C-alpha atoms as a PDB file:
ATOM      1  CA  ALA A   1      -0.002   0.035  -0.030  1.00  0.00           C
ATOM      2  CA  ASP A   2       1.295   3.424  -0.807  1.00  0.00           C
ATOM      3  CA  GLY A   3      -0.350   5.306   2.226  1.00  0.00           C
ATOM      4  CA  SER A   4      -2.843   7.270   0.220  1.00  0.00           C
ATOM      5  CA  PHE A   5      -6.628   7.450   0.827  1.00  0.00           C
ATOM      6  CA  LYS A   6      -8.489   5.097  -1.877  1.00  0.00           C
ATOM      7  CA  ARG A   7     -11.915   6.402  -2.554  1.00  0.00           C
ATOM      8  CA  PRO A   8     -14.783   4.115  -2.118  1.00  0.00           C
ATOM      9  CA  SER A   9     -14.729   1.510  -5.211  1.00  0.00           C
ATOM     10  CA  GLY A  10     -18.340   2.333  -6.316  1.00  0.00           C
ATOM     11  CA  PRO A  11     -21.588   3.314  -5.221  1.00  0.00           C
ATOM     12  CA  LYS A  12     -22.606   2.267  -1.749  1.00  0.00           C
ATOM     13  CA  ALA A  13     -18.896   0.873  -0.960  1.00  0.00           C
ATOM     14  CA  PHE A  14     -17.185   2.266   2.109  1.00  0.00           C
ATOM     15  CA  ALA A  15     -13.769   3.416   2.449  1.00  0.00           C
ATOM     16  CA  PHE A  16     -11.680   4.577   5.487  1.00  0.00           C
ATOM     17  CA  GLU A  17     -10.020   7.973   5.028  1.00  0.00           C
ATOM     18  CA  LEU A  18      -6.402   8.127   6.556  1.00  0.00           C
ATOM     19  CA  PRO A  19      -6.334   8.660  10.205  1.00  0.00           C
ATOM     20  CA  GLN A  20      -5.422  12.108  11.542  1.00  0.00           C
ATOM     21  CA  ILE A  21      -3.917  13.308  14.892  1.00  0.00           C
ATOM     22  CA  ALA A  22      -4.644  16.667  16.025  1.00  0.00           C
ATOM     23  CA  ARG A  23      -2.951  18.754  18.930  1.00  0.00           C
ATOM     24  CA  TYR A  24      -4.831  21.775  20.463  1.00  0.00           C
ATOM     25  CA  THR A  25      -2.699  23.879  22.606  1.00  0.00           C
ATOM     26  CA  ALA A  26      -3.917  26.955  24.877  1.00  0.00           C
ATOM     27  CA  GLY A  27      -6.444  28.982  23.047  1.00  0.00           C
ATOM     28  CA  GLN A  28      -6.613  26.773  19.865  1.00  0.00           C
ATOM     29  CA  HIS A  29      -9.837  25.509  18.719  1.00  0.00           C
ATOM     30  CA  PHE A  30     -11.615  24.485  15.497  1.00  0.00           C
ATOM     31  CA  LEU A  31     -14.498  26.594  14.506  1.00  0.00           C
ATOM     32  CA  ALA A  32     -18.057  25.277  13.900  1.00  0.00           C
ATOM     33  CA  HIS A  33     -18.026  22.896  10.911  1.00  0.00           C
ATOM     34  CA  GLU A  34     -19.618  19.792   9.564  1.00  0.00           C
ATOM     35  CA  ASP A  35     -17.684  16.794   8.444  1.00  0.00           C
ATOM     36  CA  ALA A  36     -19.892  16.029   5.659  1.00  0.00           C
ATOM     37  CA  PHE A  37     -19.138  17.480   2.294  1.00  0.00           C
ATOM     38  CA  PRO A  38     -21.865  19.909   0.865  1.00  0.00           C
ATOM     39  CA  MET A  39     -23.746  17.841  -1.713  1.00  0.00           C
ATOM     40  CA  GLU A  40     -22.322  19.669  -4.829  1.00  0.00           C
ATOM     41  CA  ILE A  41     -18.718  18.808  -3.690  1.00  0.00           C
ATOM     42  CA  ALA A  42     -19.608  15.169  -2.523  1.00  0.00           C
ATOM     43  CA  LYS A  43     -21.178  14.554  -5.959  1.00  0.00           C
ATOM     44  CA  GLN A  44     -18.028  15.943  -7.668  1.00  0.00           C
ATOM     45  CA  LYS A  45     -15.856  13.391  -5.411  1.00  0.00           C
ATOM     46  CA  GLY A  46     -18.526  10.494  -5.945  1.00  0.00           C
ATOM     47  CA  TYR A  47     -18.371   9.928  -2.246  1.00  0.00           C
ATOM     48  CA  GLN A  48     -19.733  11.421   1.122  1.00  0.00           C
ATOM     49  CA  ARG A  49     -18.409  11.085   4.671  1.00  0.00           C
ATOM     50  CA  ARG A  50     -20.894   8.818   6.527  1.00  0.00           C
ATOM     51  CA  ALA A  51     -19.087   8.364   9.899  1.00  0.00           C
ATOM     52  CA  THR A  52     -16.758  10.251  12.138  1.00  0.00           C
ATOM     53  CA  LEU A  53     -14.796   8.459  14.856  1.00  0.00           C
ATOM     54  CA  LEU A  54     -12.821  10.861  17.248  1.00  0.00           C
ATOM     55  CA  LEU A  55     -10.652   9.196  19.588  1.00  0.00           C
ATOM     56  CA  TYR A  56      -9.531  11.271  22.663  1.00  0.00           C
ATOM     57  CA  LEU A  57      -5.752  10.586  23.447  1.00  0.00           C
ATOM     58  CA  ASN A  58      -5.721  12.505  26.749  1.00  0.00           C
ATOM     59  CA  THR A  59      -7.865  13.643  29.504  1.00  0.00           C
ATOM     60  CA  VAL A  60      -8.520  17.377  29.528  1.00  0.00           C
ATOM     61  CA  PRO A  61     -10.008  18.608  32.825  1.00  0.00           C
ATOM     62  CA  GLU A  62     -11.008  22.067  31.481  1.00  0.00           C
ATOM     63  CA  GLY A  63     -11.936  23.155  28.161  1.00  0.00           C
ATOM     64  CA  GLY A  64     -11.518  21.301  24.865  1.00  0.00           C
ATOM     65  CA  ALA A  65     -14.921  19.806  24.504  1.00  0.00           C
ATOM     66  CA  THR A  66     -16.347  18.739  21.279  1.00  0.00           C
ATOM     67  CA  LYS A  67     -19.618  20.731  21.130  1.00  0.00           C
ATOM     68  CA  PHE A  68     -22.835  20.115  19.055  1.00  0.00           C
ATOM     69  CA  ASP A  69     -24.966  23.176  19.512  1.00  0.00           C
ATOM     70  CA  ILE A  70     -27.953  22.127  17.621  1.00  0.00           C
ATOM     71  CA  VAL A  71     -28.372  19.190  19.763  1.00  0.00           C
ATOM     72  CA  ASP A  72     -27.070  20.706  22.864  1.00  0.00           C
ATOM     73  CA  LEU A  73     -24.208  18.252  23.517  1.00  0.00           C
ATOM     74  CA  ALA A  74     -20.771  18.712  24.673  1.00  0.00           C
ATOM     75  CA  VAL A  75     -18.434  15.784  24.993  1.00  0.00           C
ATOM     76  CA  ALA A  76     -15.284  16.462  27.258  1.00  0.00           C
ATOM     77  CA  PRO A  77     -12.173  14.790  26.162  1.00  0.00           C
ATOM     78  CA  VAL A  78     -11.463  11.719  28.434  1.00  0.00           C
ATOM     79  CA  LYS A  79      -8.356   9.389  27.382  1.00  0.00           C
ATOM     80  CA  GLY A  80      -9.332   6.349  25.653  1.00  0.00           C
ATOM     81  CA  ASP A  81     -13.033   7.508  25.180  1.00  0.00           C
ATOM     82  CA  ALA A  82     -14.384   7.597  21.508  1.00  0.00           C
ATOM     83  CA  LEU A  83     -17.116   9.649  19.956  1.00  0.00           C
ATOM     84  CA  LEU A  84     -18.942   8.339  16.969  1.00  0.00           C
ATOM     85  CA  PHE A  85     -21.352  10.254  14.973  1.00  0.00           C
ATOM     86  CA  PHE A  86     -22.736  10.284  11.418  1.00  0.00           C
ATOM     87  CA  PRO A  87     -22.272  13.503   9.452  1.00  0.00           C
ATOM     88  CA  SER A  88     -24.689  12.452   6.611  1.00  0.00           C
ATOM     89  CA  PHE A  89     -27.934  10.587   5.827  1.00  0.00           C
ATOM     90  CA  GLN A  90     -27.877   7.181   3.978  1.00  0.00           C
ATOM     91  CA  ASN A  91     -28.530   9.051   0.715  1.00  0.00           C
ATOM     92  CA  GLY A  92     -25.404  11.308   1.366  1.00  0.00           C
ATOM     93  CA  ILE A  93     -27.117  14.227   2.352  1.00  0.00           C
ATOM     94  CA  PRO A  94     -25.549  16.204   5.156  1.00  0.00           C
ATOM     95  CA  ASP A  95     -27.115  16.002   8.492  1.00  0.00           C
ATOM     96  CA  HIS A  96     -26.773  19.604   9.834  1.00  0.00           C
ATOM     97  CA  ARG A  97     -27.357  18.701  13.341  1.00  0.00           C
ATOM     98  CA  THR A  98     -23.785  17.380  13.582  1.00  0.00           C
ATOM     99  CA  LEU A  99     -22.397  20.881  13.097  1.00  0.00           C
ATOM    100  CA  HIS A 100     -19.793  20.848  15.821  1.00  0.00           C
ATOM    101  CA  THR A 101     -16.893  22.908  17.374  1.00  0.00           C
ATOM    102  CA  ALA A 102     -13.668  21.991  19.056  1.00  0.00           C
ATOM    103  CA  GLU A 103     -13.761  24.335  22.118  1.00  0.00           C
ATOM    104  CA  ASP A 104     -10.711  26.360  23.156  1.00  0.00           C
ATOM    105  CA  ALA A 105      -7.963  24.352  24.898  1.00  0.00           C
ATOM    106  CA  VAL A 106      -7.249  26.127  28.247  1.00  0.00           C
ATOM    107  CA  ASP A 107      -3.714  27.083  29.511  1.00  0.00           C
ATOM    108  CA  GLY A 108      -1.802  24.024  30.390  1.00  0.00           C
ATOM    109  CA  GLN A 109      -4.568  21.698  28.942  1.00  0.00           C
ATOM    110  CA  ASP A 110      -3.506  20.504  25.565  1.00  0.00           C
ATOM    111  CA  LYS A 111      -5.891  18.272  23.892  1.00  0.00           C
ATOM    112  CA  TRP A 112      -4.753  15.405  21.495  1.00  0.00           C
ATOM    113  CA  VAL A 113      -7.370  13.666  19.457  1.00  0.00           C
ATOM    114  CA  SER A 114      -7.304  11.182  16.568  1.00  0.00           C
ATOM    115  CA  GLN A 115     -10.003  11.209  13.947  1.00  0.00           C
ATOM    116  CA  ILE A 116     -10.968   8.956  11.167  1.00  0.00           C
ATOM    117  CA  TRP A 117     -13.887   9.388   8.576  1.00  0.00           C
ATOM    118  CA  ILE A 118     -15.721   6.602   6.955  1.00  0.00           C
ATOM    119  CA  SER A 119     -16.538   7.491   3.507  1.00  0.00           C
ATOM    120  CA  TRP A 120     -19.283   5.946   1.462  1.00  0.00           C
ATOM    121  CA  GLY A 121     -19.705   5.855  -2.415  1.00  0.00           C
ATOM    122  CA  LEU A 122     -22.821   7.912  -3.368  1.00  0.00           C
ATOM    123  CA  PRO A 123     -25.665   6.355  -4.978  1.00  0.00           C
ATOM    124  CA  ASP A 124     -26.703   7.419  -8.477  1.00  0.00           C
ATOM    125  CA  GLU A 125     -28.935  10.585  -9.057  1.00  0.00           C
ATOM    126  CA  ALA A 126     -32.138   8.749  -9.249  1.00  0.00           C
ATOM    127  CA  GLU A 127     -31.756   7.019  -5.861  1.00  0.00           C
ATOM    128  CA  ILE A 128     -30.740  10.453  -4.219  1.00  0.00           C
ATOM    129  CA  ALA A 129     -34.018  12.158  -5.844  1.00  0.00           C
ATOM    130  CA  GLU A 130     -36.039   9.165  -4.635  1.00  0.00           C
ATOM    131  CA  ALA A 131     -34.548   9.534  -1.156  1.00  0.00           C
ATOM    132  CA  LYS A 132     -35.216  13.146  -0.980  1.00  0.00           C
ATOM    133  CA  ALA A 133     -39.061  12.689  -2.128  1.00  0.00           C
ATOM    134  CA  ALA A 134     -39.606   9.914   0.465  1.00  0.00           C
ATOM    135  CA  ALA A 135     -38.135  12.237   3.266  1.00  0.00           C
ATOM    136  CA  ALA A 136     -40.310  15.154   2.163  1.00  0.00           C
ATOM    137  CA  THR A 137     -43.413  12.808   2.252  1.00  0.00           C
ATOM    138  CA  LYS A 138     -42.461  11.731   5.755  1.00  0.00           C
ATOM    139  CA  MET A 139     -42.035  15.421   6.936  1.00  0.00           C
ATOM    140  CA  GLU A 140     -45.322  16.237   5.380  1.00  0.00           C
ATOM    141  CA  GLY A 141     -47.172  13.382   7.150  1.00  0.00           C
ATOM    142  CA  ALA A 142     -45.418  14.379  10.480  1.00  0.00           C
ATOM    143  CA  THR A 143     -46.555  18.099   9.741  1.00  0.00           C
ATOM    144  CA  ASN A 144     -50.114  16.834   9.118  1.00  0.00           C
ATOM    145  CA  MET A 145     -50.096  14.771  12.414  1.00  0.00           C
ATOM    146  CA  ALA A 146     -48.934  17.719  14.378  1.00  0.00           C
ATOM    147  CA  ARG A 147     -51.645  19.910  12.863  1.00  0.00           C
ATOM    148  CA  GLU A 148     -54.302  17.229  13.783  1.00  0.00           C
ATOM    149  CA  LYS A 149     -52.952  16.944  17.361  1.00  0.00           C
ATOM    150  CA  LYS A 150     -53.196  20.746  17.607  1.00  0.00           C
ATOM    151  CA  LYS A 151     -56.896  20.841  16.490  1.00  0.00           C
ATOM    152  CA  LYS A 152     -57.678  17.906  18.979  1.00  0.00           C
ATOM    153  CA  GLY A 153     -55.901  20.084  21.685  1.00  0.00           C
ATOM    154  CA  THR A 154     -53.318  17.298  22.584  1.00  0.00           C
ATOM    155  CA  ARG A 155     -49.531  18.101  22.936  1.00  0.00           C
ATOM    156  CA  GLY A 156     -46.532  16.083  22.049  1.00  0.00           C
ATOM    157  CA  PHE A 157     -46.825  12.318  21.840  1.00  0.00           C
ATOM    158  CA  GLY A 158     -50.115  10.569  22.854  1.00  0.00           C
ATOM    159  CA  ASN A 159     -52.529  12.165  25.262  1.00  0.00           C
ATOM    160  CA  ARG A 160     -50.313  13.238  28.242  1.00  0.00           C
ATOM    161  CA  LYS A 161     -52.034  14.752  31.160  1.00  0.00           C
ATOM    162  CA  ALA A 162     -51.605  18.401  31.953  1.00  0.00           C
ATOM    163  CA  GLU A 163     -49.530  19.257  35.138  1.00  0.00           C
ATOM    164  CA  SER A 164     -52.691  19.960  37.161  1.00  0.00           C
ATOM    165  CA  ASP A 165     -54.315  16.513  36.208  1.00  0.00           C
ATOM    166  CA  LYS A 166     -51.412  14.661  37.849  1.00  0.00           C
ATOM    167  CA  PRO A 167     -52.043  12.769  41.092  1.00  0.00           C
ATOM    168  CA  LYS A 168     -50.899  14.628  44.181  1.00  0.00           C
ATOM    169  CA  GLY A 169     -47.471  14.584  45.085  1.00  0.00           C
ATOM    170  CA  PHE A 170     -46.351  13.223  41.474  1.00  0.00           C
ATOM    171  CA  GLY A 171     -42.885  14.706  40.689  1.00  0.00           C
ATOM    172  CA  SER A 172     -42.902  16.684  44.042  1.00  0.00           C
ATOM    173  CA  LYS A 173     -40.505  16.293  47.167  1.00  0.00           C
ATOM    174  CA  LYS A 174     -42.358  15.246  50.328  1.00  0.00           C
END
């Protein structure tokens, strides 16, 4: 092997990108970004990043978290822990919920991380279009269901009781 990245061999084939190691020193960070390529670039490349694996190489007691603002999640670096997430959907479309930031390293708290991306050969255009249409239909169905619940006066999932309908002492400290 020559040590270079080998693209996925065809549609729906997987390939591992080369591992990288990053060191963040005091004040260093990585601004908000997505690991998936924008669709135009993914189409040019013929593949999309489907999974990201971060392996924390040291424990950082303060700062240096991997933060996902959209889903309100921050993962502190702990030596030996791994974080696996999926930056794109099965059809190759980026999942914007995976927008993340490597927060600032604090004085004396270097952060070491190894990362690897798992790439996937894109399906043909017809499959992508079909998947987009199916997703739109599902979204329309969910929107209609939410409208019906609103008309019926129910909230959320099922028929949850309002706070005042709960039995006495439920959720209270006595």
